[in-house]
Each structure stands twice: as C-alpha cells, then as structure tokens.
C-alpha cells in the first residue's frame, strides 16, 4: 500500500467528518515511516510478508 492509497482510505472513513483528530498525522512523514517499517526488506526478503505471499 502506498502513502497515497493509505491517505485515501483514511480520508474516506466516515469518522473523518466528525473529528479533528481522527486520521490527522501528528508529525509530517510519520505515516511514511510506518509504511516503510511494514514493507522493509532484509537481504532482499520481506521482513513481514503478506499472508498471500506465504506458500
């Protein structure tokens, strides 16, 4: 999932219209850091592979 896809998903959730806190990044780049941690690779292998990639 890319940053843009993730932002689109968060922004489309219904609670976003009722809250000034929900879905708001506390620091610029924080969401990118979270996504990078999830998709990190070690020696060319995903550290946290998707259940769809496991055989």
PDB file of N, CA and C in Angstrom:
ATOM      1  N   UNK A   1       0.850  -1.170   0.000  1.00  0.00           N
ATOM      2  CA  UNK A   1       0.000   0.000   0.000  1.00  0.00           C
ATOM      3  C   UNK A   1       0.891   1.226   0.000  1.00  0.00           C
ATOM      4  N   UNK A   2       0.592   2.139  -0.877  1.00  0.00           N
ATOM      5  CA  UNK A   2       1.376   3.369  -0.955  1.00  0.00           C
ATOM      6  C   UNK A   2       0.827   4.404   0.028  1.00  0.00           C
ATOM      7  N   UNK A   3       1.586   5.456   0.211  1.00  0.00           N
ATOM      8  CA  UNK A   3       1.146   6.545   1.076  1.00  0.00           C
ATOM      9  C   UNK A   3      -0.164   7.129   0.562  1.00  0.00           C
ATOM     10  N   UNK A   4      -0.242   7.363  -0.751  1.00  0.00           N
ATOM     11  CA  UNK A   4      -1.449   7.957  -1.334  1.00  0.00           C
ATOM     12  C   UNK A   4      -2.659   7.041  -1.145  1.00  0.00           C
ATOM     13  N   UNK A   5      -2.478   5.747  -1.328  1.00  0.00           N
ATOM     14  CA  UNK A   5      -3.577   4.800  -1.130  1.00  0.00           C
ATOM     15  C   UNK A   5      -4.031   4.788   0.327  1.00  0.00           C
ATOM     16  N   UNK A   6      -3.079   4.815   1.222  1.00  0.00           N
ATOM     17  CA  UNK A   6      -3.387   4.807   2.652  1.00  0.00           C
ATOM     18  C   UNK A   6      -4.120   6.090   3.051  1.00  0.00           C
ATOM     19  N   UNK A   7      -3.644   7.239   2.569  1.00  0.00           N
ATOM     20  CA  UNK A   7      -4.300   8.517   2.879  1.00  0.00           C
ATOM     21  C   UNK A   7      -5.722   8.522   2.331  1.00  0.00           C
ATOM     22  N   UNK A   8      -5.906   8.007   1.114  1.00  0.00           N
ATOM     23  CA  UNK A   8      -7.242   7.960   0.505  1.00  0.00           C
ATOM     24  C   UNK A   8      -8.179   7.113   1.365  1.00  0.00           C
ATOM     25  N   UNK A   9      -7.695   5.974   1.823  1.00  0.00           N
ATOM     26  CA  UNK A   9      -8.502   5.092   2.664  1.00  0.00           C
ATOM     27  C   UNK A   9      -8.875   5.786   3.976  1.00  0.00           C
ATOM     28  N   UNK A  10      -7.913   6.390   4.630  1.00  0.00           N
ATOM     29  CA  UNK A  10      -8.165   7.085   5.899  1.00  0.00           C
ATOM     30  C   UNK A  10      -9.129   8.247   5.687  1.00  0.00           C
ATOM     31  N   UNK A  11      -8.901   9.025   4.634  1.00  0.00           N
ATOM     32  CA  UNK A  11      -9.744  10.196   4.374  1.00  0.00           C
ATOM     33  C   UNK A  11     -11.169   9.819   4.007  1.00  0.00           C
ATOM     34  N   UNK A  12     -11.373   8.605   3.500  1.00  0.00           N
ATOM     35  CA  UNK A  12     -12.716   8.183   3.103  1.00  0.00           C
ATOM     36  C   UNK A  12     -13.534   7.608   4.257  1.00  0.00           C
ATOM     37  N   UNK A  13     -12.914   7.383   5.405  1.00  0.00           N
ATOM     38  CA  UNK A  13     -13.640   6.829   6.546  1.00  0.00           C
ATOM     39  C   UNK A  13     -14.597   7.868   7.116  1.00  0.00           C
ATOM     40  N   UNK A  14     -15.773   7.434   7.518  1.00  0.00           N
ATOM     41  CA  UNK A  14     -16.837   8.348   7.923  1.00  0.00           C
ATOM     42  C   UNK A  14     -16.492   9.192   9.141  1.00  0.00           C
ATOM     43  N   UNK A  15     -15.644   8.722  10.033  1.00  0.00           N
ATOM     44  CA  UNK A  15     -15.333   9.482  11.239  1.00  0.00           C
ATOM     45  C   UNK A  15     -14.512  10.727  10.944  1.00  0.00           C
ATOM     46  N   UNK A  16     -13.889  10.777   9.793  1.00  0.00           N
ATOM     47  CA  UNK A  16     -13.100  11.943   9.437  1.00  0.00           C
ATOM     48  C   UNK A  16     -13.906  13.226   9.371  1.00  0.00           C
ATOM     49  N   UNK A  17     -15.196  13.112   9.081  1.00  0.00           N
ATOM     50  CA  UNK A  17     -16.050  14.294   9.006  1.00  0.00           C
ATOM     51  C   UNK A  17     -16.465  14.806  10.384  1.00  0.00           C
ATOM     52  N   UNK A  18     -16.307  13.976  11.414  1.00  0.00           N
ATOM     53  CA  UNK A  18     -16.797  14.325  12.746  1.00  0.00           C
ATOM     54  C   UNK A  18     -15.683  14.590  13.755  1.00  0.00           C
ATOM     55  N   UNK A  19     -14.440  14.477  13.334  1.00  0.00           N
ATOM     56  CA  UNK A  19     -13.335  14.590  14.286  1.00  0.00           C
ATOM     57  C   UNK A  19     -12.200  15.420  13.699  1.00  0.00           C
ATOM     58  N   UNK A  20     -11.600  16.232  14.532  1.00  0.00           N
ATOM     59  CA  UNK A  20     -10.417  16.989  14.128  1.00  0.00           C
ATOM     60  C   UNK A  20      -9.146  16.212  14.423  1.00  0.00           C
ATOM     61  N   UNK A  21      -9.274  15.049  15.072  1.00  0.00           N
ATOM     62  CA  UNK A  21      -8.126  14.256  15.483  1.00  0.00           C
ATOM     63  C   UNK A  21      -7.955  13.009  14.615  1.00  0.00           C
ATOM     64  N   UNK A  22      -9.065  12.357  14.261  1.00  0.00           N
ATOM     65  CA  UNK A  22      -9.009  11.097  13.527  1.00  0.00           C
ATOM     66  C   UNK A  22      -8.318  11.265  12.178  1.00  0.00           C
ATOM     67  N   UNK A  23      -7.321  10.433  11.915  1.00  0.00           N
ATOM     68  CA  UNK A  23      -6.655  10.424  10.619  1.00  0.00           C
ATOM     69  C   UNK A  23      -5.715  11.582  10.368  1.00  0.00           C
ATOM     70  N   UNK A  24      -5.401  12.357  11.389  1.00  0.00           N
ATOM     71  CA  UNK A  24      -4.507  13.501  11.231  1.00  0.00           C
ATOM     72  C   UNK A  24      -3.113  13.094  11.704  1.00  0.00           C
ATOM     73  N   UNK A  25      -2.126  13.257  10.826  1.00  0.00           N
ATOM     74  CA  UNK A  25      -0.752  12.921  11.214  1.00  0.00           C
ATOM     75  C   UNK A  25      -0.242  13.922  12.243  1.00  0.00           C
ATOM     76  N   UNK A  26       0.326  13.424  13.312  1.00  0.00           N
ATOM     77  CA  UNK A  26       0.856  14.300  14.359  1.00  0.00           C
ATOM     78  C   UNK A  26       2.148  14.968  13.909  1.00  0.00           C
ATOM     79  N   UNK A  27       2.890  14.256  13.068  1.00  0.00           N
ATOM     80  CA  UNK A  27       4.145  14.787  12.529  1.00  0.00           C
ATOM     81  C   UNK A  27       4.197  14.467  11.044  1.00  0.00           C
ATOM     82  N   UNK A  28       4.714  15.389  10.264  1.00  0.00           N
ATOM     83  CA  UNK A  28       4.850  15.167   8.830  1.00  0.00           C
ATOM     84  C   UNK A  28       5.792  13.980   8.604  1.00  0.00           C
ATOM     85  N   UNK A  29       5.373  13.038   7.770  1.00  0.00           N
ATOM     86  CA  UNK A  29       6.205  11.891   7.450  1.00  0.00           C
ATOM     87  C   UNK A  29       6.006  10.687   8.352  1.00  0.00           C
ATOM     88  N   UNK A  30       5.215  10.831   9.388  1.00  0.00           N
ATOM     89  CA  UNK A  30       5.007   9.740  10.345  1.00  0.00           C
ATOM     90  C   UNK A  30       4.383   8.516   9.667  1.00  0.00           C
ATOM     91  N   UNK A  31       3.378   8.736   8.841  1.00  0.00           N
ATOM     92  CA  UNK A  31       2.722   7.634   8.144  1.00  0.00           C
ATOM     93  C   UNK A  31       3.683   6.954   7.171  1.00  0.00           C
ATOM     94  N   UNK A  32       4.502   7.730   6.494  1.00  0.00           N
ATOM     95  CA  UNK A  32       5.513   7.141   5.603  1.00  0.00           C
ATOM     96  C   UNK A  32       6.464   6.243   6.378  1.00  0.00           C
ATOM     97  N   UNK A  33       6.833   6.632   7.580  1.00  0.00           N
ATOM     98  CA  UNK A  33       7.711   5.816   8.421  1.00  0.00           C
ATOM     99  C   UNK A  33       7.057   4.513   8.823  1.00  0.00           C
ATOM    100  N   UNK A  34       5.768   4.565   9.129  1.00  0.00           N
ATOM    101  CA  UNK A  34       5.035   3.350   9.498  1.00  0.00           C
ATOM    102  C   UNK A  34       4.965   2.402   8.312  1.00  0.00           C
ATOM    103  N   UNK A  35       4.628   2.939   7.140  1.00  0.00           N
ATOM    104  CA  UNK A  35       4.559   2.102   5.941  1.00  0.00           C
ATOM    105  C   UNK A  35       5.915   1.507   5.596  1.00  0.00           C
ATOM    106  N   UNK A  36       6.968   2.275   5.737  1.00  0.00           N
ATOM    107  CA  UNK A  36       8.316   1.774   5.456  1.00  0.00           C
ATOM    108  C   UNK A  36       8.683   0.636   6.404  1.00  0.00           C
ATOM    109  N   UNK A  37       8.275   0.732   7.662  1.00  0.00           N
ATOM    110  CA  UNK A  37       8.561  -0.326   8.631  1.00  0.00           C
ATOM    111  C   UNK A  37       7.834  -1.618   8.270  1.00  0.00           C
ATOM    112  N   UNK A  38       6.599  -1.490   7.800  1.00  0.00           N
ATOM    113  CA  UNK A  38       5.821  -2.667   7.430  1.00  0.00           C
ATOM    114  C   UNK A  38       6.399  -3.344   6.197  1.00  0.00           C
ATOM    115  N   UNK A  39       6.869  -2.568   5.242  1.00  0.00           N
ATOM    116  CA  UNK A  39       7.350  -3.116   3.968  1.00  0.00           C
ATOM    117  C   UNK A  39       8.864  -3.272   3.906  1.00  0.00           C
ATOM    118  N   UNK A  40       9.549  -3.265   5.033  1.00  0.00           N
ATOM    119  CA  UNK A  40      11.008  -3.347   4.995  1.00  0.00           C
ATOM    120  C   UNK A  40      11.498  -4.720   4.544  1.00  0.00           C
ATOM    121  N   UNK A  41      12.669  -4.713   3.922  1.00  0.00           N
ATOM    122  CA  UNK A  41      13.305  -5.924   3.412  1.00  0.00           C
ATOM    123  C   UNK A  41      14.614  -6.165   4.127  1.00  0.00           C
ATOM    124  N   UNK A  42      14.944  -7.440   4.305  1.00  0.00           N
ATOM    125  CA  UNK A  42      16.227  -7.836   4.873  1.00  0.00           C
ATOM    126  C   UNK A  42      16.851  -8.824   3.895  1.00  0.00           C
ATOM    127  N   UNK A  43      17.994  -8.471   3.351  1.00  0.00           N
ATOM    128  CA  UNK A  43      18.694  -9.303   2.375  1.00  0.00           C
ATOM    129  C   UNK A  43      17.783  -9.676   1.207  1.00  0.00           C
ATOM    130  N   UNK A  44      16.926  -8.729   0.776  1.00  0.00           N
ATOM    131  CA  UNK A  44      16.057  -8.942  -0.365  1.00  0.00           C
ATOM    132  C   UNK A  44      14.778  -9.711  -0.073  1.00  0.00           C
ATOM    133  N   UNK A  45      14.530 -10.017   1.193  1.00  0.00           N
ATOM    134  CA  UNK A  45      13.319 -10.742   1.582  1.00  0.00           C
ATOM    135  C   UNK A  45      12.484  -9.859   2.498  1.00  0.00           C
ATOM    136  N   UNK A  46      11.168  -9.835   2.232  1.00  0.00           N
ATOM    137  CA  UNK A  46      10.297  -9.035   3.084  1.00  0.00           C
ATOM    138  C   UNK A  46      10.355  -9.520   4.523  1.00  0.00           C
ATOM    139  N   UNK A  47      10.514  -8.604   5.455  1.00  0.00           N
ATOM    140  CA  UNK A  47      10.581  -8.958   6.864  1.00  0.00           C
ATOM    141  C   UNK A  47       9.204  -9.381   7.377  1.00  0.00           C
ATOM    142  N   UNK A  48       8.156  -8.724   6.898  1.00  0.00           N
ATOM    143  CA  UNK A  48       6.786  -9.050   7.280  1.00  0.00           C
ATOM    144  C   UNK A  48       5.986  -9.382   6.014  1.00  0.00           C
ATOM    145  N   UNK A  49       6.153 -10.578   5.473  1.00  0.00           N
ATOM    146  CA  UNK A  49       5.457 -10.898   4.222  1.00  0.00           C
ATOM    147  C   UNK A  49       3.943 -10.990   4.421  1.00  0.00           C
ATOM    148  N   UNK A  50       3.245 -10.691   3.362  1.00  0.00           N
ATOM    149  CA  UNK A  50       1.797 -10.812   3.380  1.00  0.00           C
ATOM    150  C   UNK A  50       1.420 -12.285   3.473  1.00  0.00           C
ATOM    151  N   UNK A  51       0.261 -12.573   4.021  1.00  0.00           N
ATOM    152  CA  UNK A  51      -0.189 -13.971   4.096  1.00  0.00           C
ATOM    153  C   UNK A  51      -0.424 -14.511   2.687  1.00  0.00           C
ATOM    154  N   UNK A  52      -0.616 -13.620   1.730  1.00  0.00           N
ATOM    155  CA  UNK A  52      -0.813 -14.045   0.350  1.00  0.00           C
ATOM    156  C   UNK A  52       0.483 -14.464  -0.308  1.00  0.00           C
ATOM    157  N   UNK A  53       1.624 -14.073   0.254  1.00  0.00           N
ATOM    158  CA  UNK A  53       2.934 -14.420  -0.332  1.00  0.00           C
ATOM    159  C   UNK A  53       3.501 -15.690   0.274  1.00  0.00           C
ATOM    160  N   UNK A  54       2.956 -16.136   1.388  1.00  0.00           N
ATOM    161  CA  UNK A  54       3.483 -17.317   2.058  1.00  0.00           C
ATOM    162  C   UNK A  54       2.933 -18.566   1.382  1.00  0.00           C
ATOM    163  N   UNK A  55       3.845 -19.482   1.051  1.00  0.00           N
ATOM    164  CA  UNK A  55       3.367 -20.711   0.404  1.00  0.00           C
ATOM    165  C   UNK A  55       3.590 -21.912   1.271  1.00  0.00           C
TER     166      UNK A  55
END
